Protein backbone atom coordinates (compact mmCIF):
# COMPACT_ATOMS: atom_id res chain seq x y z
CA UNK A 1 0.02 -0.01 0.00
CA UNK A 2 1.28 3.45 -0.94
CA UNK A 3 2.28 5.51 2.04
CA UNK A 4 1.63 9.30 2.24
CA UNK A 5 3.10 12.09 4.26
CA UNK A 6 -0.37 13.13 5.41
CA UNK A 7 -3.87 11.63 5.43
CA UNK A 8 -6.72 14.17 5.50
CA UNK A 9 -10.08 12.79 6.58
CA UNK A 10 -12.96 14.92 5.29
CA UNK A 11 -13.41 16.74 2.01
CA UNK A 12 -15.15 19.87 3.26
CA UNK A 13 -13.58 23.32 3.14
CA UNK A 14 -11.24 22.61 6.09
CA UNK A 15 -10.05 19.30 4.68
CA UNK A 16 -9.61 20.37 1.05
CA UNK A 17 -7.78 23.62 1.88
CA UNK A 18 -5.52 21.81 4.37
CA UNK A 19 -4.74 19.19 1.74
CA UNK A 20 -4.12 21.94 -0.85
CA UNK A 21 -1.62 23.74 1.40
CA UNK A 22 0.20 20.52 2.33
CA UNK A 23 0.50 19.54 -1.33
CA UNK A 24 1.60 23.08 -2.19
CA UNK A 25 4.40 22.69 0.37
CA UNK A 26 5.59 19.48 -1.32
CA UNK A 27 3.94 16.80 0.84
CA UNK A 28 2.24 13.72 -0.55
CA UNK A 29 -1.39 13.86 0.58
CA UNK A 30 -4.30 11.43 0.56
CA UNK A 31 -7.78 12.83 1.18
CA UNK A 32 -10.71 10.56 1.84
CA UNK A 33 -14.40 11.29 2.39
CA UNK A 34 -17.34 8.92 2.85
CA UNK A 35 -19.50 11.08 0.55
CA UNK A 36 -19.30 11.59 -3.20
CA UNK A 37 -19.13 15.17 -4.42
CA UNK A 38 -21.05 17.30 -5.10
CA UNK A 39 -23.15 16.68 -2.03
CA UNK A 40 -25.43 18.83 0.12
CA UNK A 41 -24.51 20.09 3.56
CA UNK A 42 -26.75 22.04 5.99
CA UNK A 43 -25.18 25.50 6.06
CA UNK A 44 -26.03 29.16 5.60
CA UNK A 45 -23.69 29.30 2.64
CA UNK A 46 -22.01 32.56 3.60
CA UNK A 47 -18.23 32.93 3.22
CA UNK A 48 -17.03 35.89 5.24
CA UNK A 49 -14.40 38.29 3.94
CA UNK A 50 -11.94 37.04 6.54
CA UNK A 51 -12.49 33.39 5.57
CA UNK A 52 -12.05 34.23 1.90
CA UNK A 53 -8.74 36.00 2.64
CA UNK A 54 -7.47 32.87 4.39
CA UNK A 55 -8.60 30.57 1.58
CA UNK A 56 -5.82 29.92 -0.97
CA UNK A 57 -8.36 29.08 -3.69
CA UNK A 58 -10.42 31.60 -5.64
CA UNK A 59 -14.11 30.93 -4.90
CA UNK A 60 -15.50 33.48 -7.41
CA UNK A 61 -16.75 30.78 -9.84
CA UNK A 62 -19.24 29.50 -7.24
CA UNK A 63 -20.32 32.80 -5.65
CA UNK A 64 -24.04 33.51 -6.28
CA UNK A 65 -24.42 36.86 -4.49
CA UNK A 66 -22.40 39.39 -2.53
CA UNK A 67 -23.64 40.88 0.73
CA UNK A 68 -22.85 44.40 1.90
CA UNK A 69 -25.94 44.88 4.09
CA UNK A 70 -26.25 43.04 7.42
CA UNK A 71 -29.43 43.01 9.48
CA UNK A 72 -29.34 41.71 13.05
CA UNK A 73 -32.44 41.19 15.18
CA UNK A 74 -33.01 39.61 18.59
CA UNK A 75 -36.26 37.85 19.41
CA UNK A 76 -38.21 39.47 16.56
CA UNK A 77 -37.76 42.96 17.96
CA UNK A 78 -36.31 46.03 16.25
CA UNK A 79 -33.53 45.31 13.79
CA UNK A 80 -30.06 46.87 13.59
CA UNK A 81 -29.01 47.36 9.97
CA UNK A 82 -25.51 48.28 8.87
CA UNK A 83 -24.12 48.73 5.33
CA UNK A 84 -20.48 48.08 4.59
CA UNK A 85 -18.37 49.96 2.10
CA UNK A 86 -17.55 46.62 0.37
CA UNK A 87 -18.97 43.08 0.47
CA UNK A 88 -18.50 41.34 3.80
CA UNK A 89 -20.09 37.99 2.88
CA UNK A 90 -20.13 36.04 -0.41
CA UNK A 91 -23.07 33.67 -0.73
CA UNK A 92 -22.77 30.23 -2.25
CA UNK A 93 -24.13 26.69 -2.00
CA UNK A 94 -22.10 24.14 -0.05
CA UNK A 95 -22.58 21.48 -2.71
CA UNK A 96 -20.92 23.81 -5.21
CA UNK A 97 -18.30 25.33 -2.90
CA UNK A 98 -17.05 22.04 -1.43
CA UNK A 99 -16.80 20.39 -4.86
CA UNK A 100 -14.93 23.42 -6.21
CA UNK A 101 -12.38 23.35 -3.36
CA UNK A 102 -11.93 19.60 -3.66
CA UNK A 103 -11.27 19.87 -7.40
CA UNK A 104 -8.62 22.52 -6.67
CA UNK A 105 -6.92 20.21 -4.16
CA UNK A 106 -7.00 17.40 -6.73
CA UNK A 107 -5.41 19.68 -9.36
CA UNK A 108 -2.68 20.56 -6.84
CA UNK A 109 -1.67 16.91 -6.65
CA UNK A 110 -3.78 15.59 -3.76
CA UNK A 111 -4.99 12.03 -4.23
CA UNK A 112 -8.74 12.07 -3.51
CA UNK A 113 -10.79 8.99 -2.61
CA UNK A 114 -14.53 9.64 -2.51
CA UNK A 115 -17.06 7.20 -1.00
CA UNK A 116 -14.49 5.78 1.44
CA UNK A 117 -14.44 5.70 5.26
CA UNK A 118 -11.44 6.22 7.54
CA UNK A 119 -10.03 3.04 9.01
CA UNK A 120 -7.85 3.91 12.02
CA UNK A 121 -6.33 0.40 12.01
CA UNK A 122 -5.01 0.87 8.48
CA UNK A 123 -3.45 4.34 8.36
CA UNK A 124 -0.93 4.57 5.55
CA UNK A 125 0.36 8.03 6.48
CA UNK A 126 2.77 9.69 8.90
CA UNK A 127 0.20 12.26 9.98
CA UNK A 128 -3.61 12.12 10.20
CA UNK A 129 -5.65 15.32 9.93
CA UNK A 130 -9.19 14.98 11.13
CA UNK A 131 -11.37 17.37 9.17
CA UNK A 132 -14.59 15.36 9.28
CA UNK A 133 -16.24 17.25 12.11
CA UNK A 134 -16.83 16.75 15.81
CA UNK A 135 -19.06 13.75 15.11
CA UNK A 136 -16.79 12.25 12.47
CA UNK A 137 -14.92 8.98 12.34
CA UNK A 138 -11.60 10.54 13.35
CA UNK A 139 -12.95 11.95 16.62
CA UNK A 140 -14.47 8.57 17.53
CA UNK A 141 -11.35 6.68 16.51
CA UNK A 142 -9.08 8.74 18.71
CA UNK A 143 -11.63 9.28 21.48
CA UNK A 144 -11.82 13.04 20.95
CA UNK A 145 -15.56 13.59 20.85
CA UNK A 146 -16.52 13.29 24.50
CA UNK A 147 -18.96 15.68 26.12
CA UNK A 148 -20.46 17.00 22.90
CA UNK A 149 -24.02 18.24 23.02
CA UNK A 150 -25.79 17.34 19.80
CA UNK A 151 -28.22 19.59 17.96
CA UNK A 152 -30.20 19.66 14.77
CA UNK A 153 -29.52 21.93 11.80
CA UNK A 154 -32.09 22.81 9.14
CA UNK A 155 -31.45 24.46 5.82
CA UNK A 156 -34.06 25.85 3.46
CA UNK A 157 -33.58 27.44 0.06
CA UNK A 158 -36.22 29.92 -1.07
CA UNK A 159 -36.15 31.38 -4.56
CA UNK A 160 -36.72 35.06 -5.34
CA UNK A 161 -40.00 34.05 -6.84
CA UNK A 162 -41.18 33.43 -3.28
CA UNK A 163 -39.02 35.86 -1.25
CA UNK A 164 -39.08 39.59 -1.97
CA UNK A 165 -35.94 40.50 -3.91
CA UNK A 166 -36.02 44.14 -2.78
CA UNK A 167 -36.16 42.97 0.84
CA UNK A 168 -33.39 40.37 0.75
CA UNK A 169 -31.08 41.11 -2.18
CA UNK A 170 -27.47 41.69 -1.09
CA UNK A 171 -28.61 41.39 2.53
CA UNK A 172 -27.79 38.89 5.30
CA UNK A 173 -30.54 38.69 7.92
CA UNK A 174 -29.43 37.19 11.23
CA UNK A 175 -32.33 36.35 13.56
CA UNK A 176 -31.42 35.35 17.12
CA UNK A 177 -34.66 33.87 18.39
CA UNK A 178 -36.65 30.72 19.08
CA UNK A 179 -40.03 29.56 17.98
CA UNK A 180 -42.74 28.56 20.39
CA UNK A 181 -41.36 25.63 22.43
CA UNK A 182 -44.89 24.48 23.22
CA UNK A 183 -45.34 23.47 19.60
CA UNK A 184 -41.74 22.78 18.61
CA UNK A 185 -40.05 22.89 15.24
CA UNK A 186 -41.21 19.48 14.03
CA UNK A 187 -44.85 20.59 13.63
CA UNK A 188 -43.77 23.78 11.88
CA UNK A 189 -41.55 22.02 9.36
CA UNK A 190 -44.12 19.32 8.79
CA UNK A 191 -46.70 22.02 8.04
CA UNK A 192 -44.22 23.83 5.76
CA UNK A 193 -43.64 20.65 3.81
CA UNK A 194 -47.35 19.94 3.62
CA UNK A 195 -48.51 23.44 2.75
CA UNK A 196 -45.59 24.48 0.59
CA UNK A 197 -45.69 27.98 2.06
CA UNK A 198 -43.94 29.40 5.11
CA UNK A 199 -46.74 31.88 5.84
CA UNK A 200 -49.42 29.16 5.70
CA UNK A 201 -47.23 26.89 7.85
CA UNK A 202 -46.93 29.60 10.53
CA UNK A 203 -50.71 30.13 10.34
CA UNK A 204 -51.48 26.45 10.90
CA UNK A 205 -48.81 25.86 13.54
CA UNK A 206 -48.92 29.06 15.59
CA UNK A 207 -52.28 30.56 14.59
CA UNK A 208 -50.82 33.87 13.29
CA UNK A 209 -49.27 35.16 10.09
CA UNK A 210 -45.62 36.07 9.73
CA UNK A 211 -46.50 39.77 9.47
CA UNK A 212 -48.74 39.54 12.58
CA UNK A 213 -45.93 37.86 14.45
CA UNK A 214 -43.53 40.66 13.59
CA UNK A 215 -46.14 43.33 14.43
CA UNK A 216 -46.77 41.71 17.80
CA UNK A 217 -43.11 41.95 18.75
CA UNK A 218 -42.85 45.49 17.45
CA UNK A 219 -45.78 46.55 19.63
CA UNK A 220 -44.24 44.81 22.60
CA UNK A 221 -40.99 46.62 21.95
CA UNK A 222 -42.72 50.00 21.84
CA UNK A 223 -44.53 49.29 25.12
CA UNK A 224 -41.35 48.15 26.80
CA UNK A 225 -38.95 50.71 25.45
CA UNK A 226 -41.22 53.61 24.48
CA UNK A 227 -40.16 55.75 27.47
CA UNK A 228 -36.50 55.08 26.70
CA UNK A 229 -37.10 56.18 23.11
CA UNK A 230 -38.75 59.39 24.39
CA UNK A 231 -35.83 60.14 26.67
CA UNK A 232 -33.44 59.48 23.80
CA UNK A 233 -35.34 61.86 21.55
CA UNK A 234 -35.32 64.55 24.25
CA UNK A 235 -31.62 63.99 24.76
CA UNK A 236 -30.97 64.33 21.04
CA UNK A 237 -33.10 67.48 20.98
CA UNK A 238 -31.24 68.97 23.91
CA UNK A 239 -27.90 68.17 22.31
CA UNK A 240 -29.09 69.86 19.12
CA UNK A 241 -30.04 73.01 21.07
CA UNK A 242 -26.71 73.10 22.89
CA UNK A 243 -24.54 72.31 19.87
CA UNK A 244 -26.39 74.30 17.15
CA UNK A 245 -28.97 76.78 18.44
CA UNK A 246 -27.09 78.18 21.47
CA UNK A 247 -23.87 78.97 19.52
CA UNK A 248 -26.04 80.47 16.74
CA UNK A 249 -27.83 82.63 19.29
CA UNK A 250 -24.58 83.99 20.78
CA UNK A 251 -23.15 84.54 17.28
CA UNK A 252 -26.14 86.66 16.33
CA UNK A 253 -25.93 88.58 19.63
CA UNK A 254 -22.25 89.28 18.92
CA UNK A 255 -23.07 90.47 15.37
CA UNK A 256 -25.85 92.73 16.64
CA UNK A 257 -23.52 94.23 19.27
CA UNK A 258 -20.95 95.01 16.53
CA UNK A 259 -23.62 96.68 14.36
CA UNK A 260 -24.84 98.75 17.33
CA UNK A 261 -21.32 99.81 18.18
CA UNK A 262 -20.82 100.96 14.54
CA UNK A 263 -24.03 102.93 14.57
CA UNK A 264 -23.19 104.58 17.90
CA UNK A 265 -19.71 105.50 16.57
CA UNK A 266 -21.22 107.01 13.43
CA UNK A 267 -23.73 109.05 15.48
CA UNK A 268 -20.95 110.28 17.77
CA UNK A 269 -18.87 111.35 14.79
CA UNK A 270 -21.80 113.24 13.22
CA UNK A 271 -22.60 114.88 16.53
CA UNK A 272 -18.97 115.91 16.99
CA UNK A 273 -18.85 117.53 13.52
CA UNK A 274 -22.11 119.37 14.20
CA UNK A 275 -20.85 120.58 17.61
CA UNK A 276 -17.56 121.80 16.11
CA UNK A 277 -19.48 123.70 13.38
CA UNK A 278 -21.74 125.35 15.97
CA UNK A 279 -18.73 126.48 18.01
CA UNK A 280 -17.02 127.98 14.95
CA UNK A 281 -20.21 129.80 14.01
CA UNK A 282 -20.39 131.36 17.47
CA UNK A 283 -16.78 132.45 17.30
CA UNK A 284 -16.88 134.02 13.81
CA UNK A 285 -20.49 135.18 13.50
CA UNK A 286 -23.08 134.57 10.83
CA UNK A 287 -20.56 134.97 8.00
CA UNK A 288 -18.90 131.66 8.94
CA UNK A 289 -19.97 128.97 6.52
CA UNK A 290 -21.83 126.11 7.95
CA UNK A 291 -21.43 122.52 6.90
CA UNK A 292 -21.83 122.34 3.13
CA UNK A 293 -21.75 126.07 2.54
CA UNK A 294 -19.21 127.58 0.18
CA UNK A 295 -18.58 131.37 0.55
CA UNK A 296 -15.60 132.53 -1.54
CA UNK A 297 -13.51 135.25 -0.04
CA UNK A 298 -14.21 134.31 3.52
CA UNK A 299 -11.12 132.62 4.81
CA UNK A 300 -11.25 129.83 7.29
CA UNK A 301 -9.04 130.37 10.34
């Protein structure tokens, strides 16, 4: 049996990129995965900008949409929306992404065996890299998966023919919440499968529409945080008065004082000229020309 420098168990993004980097460094690499690609994998399908920077393989051929708008909401209450100056998430499908990365590893020289399971008793490699997940064969073989709490992941794909494109295009909506535990998710997903509509499934399972559900939480938010919103508005109004109106008021006061000072100075100057003319007239008699008079032959002293 051929021996390899490294055996990578798992052909997902972690396994394929690890195998690619090892092969790029000159190691002989065997990658095995029990599935045959392309295959589906429950996942949101979003590759963050940081993850893409760390990936040595260009994923552009399998990107379906770029996200620059992120909406975060907690328990169906008011949402926080932020727009980035450039895409922060690139959306794809795991069946396409994983197959693309695995093909790149194969082109780099990695020997890929699909549809095979890891046999810890027959390891033909100096190093074993477990990239088949916390519940994978590698963790069980080396007794690494103790104390794991298991959960269930659901993935649904909705076309723009059903979802509103203007609402969700180039947007990632992250909802941190839970459905009614009295009914559970199983009834909801069974109704969704039966009805073929999310809104009708919510109606039949929870007795309300999706819009009514959102409105109920919005009303609850207003009742709970309405006073805080009022205080915030008053605070913003007070800040506006202090930052904008008060300086404007003092600036206008200063301008008016300058204008008044100029008018007073002009009046004082005119009064001084008139007073000087009156004094000269008293000293020299009626023949002394007043302001604006021109009498030739009468010298000014």
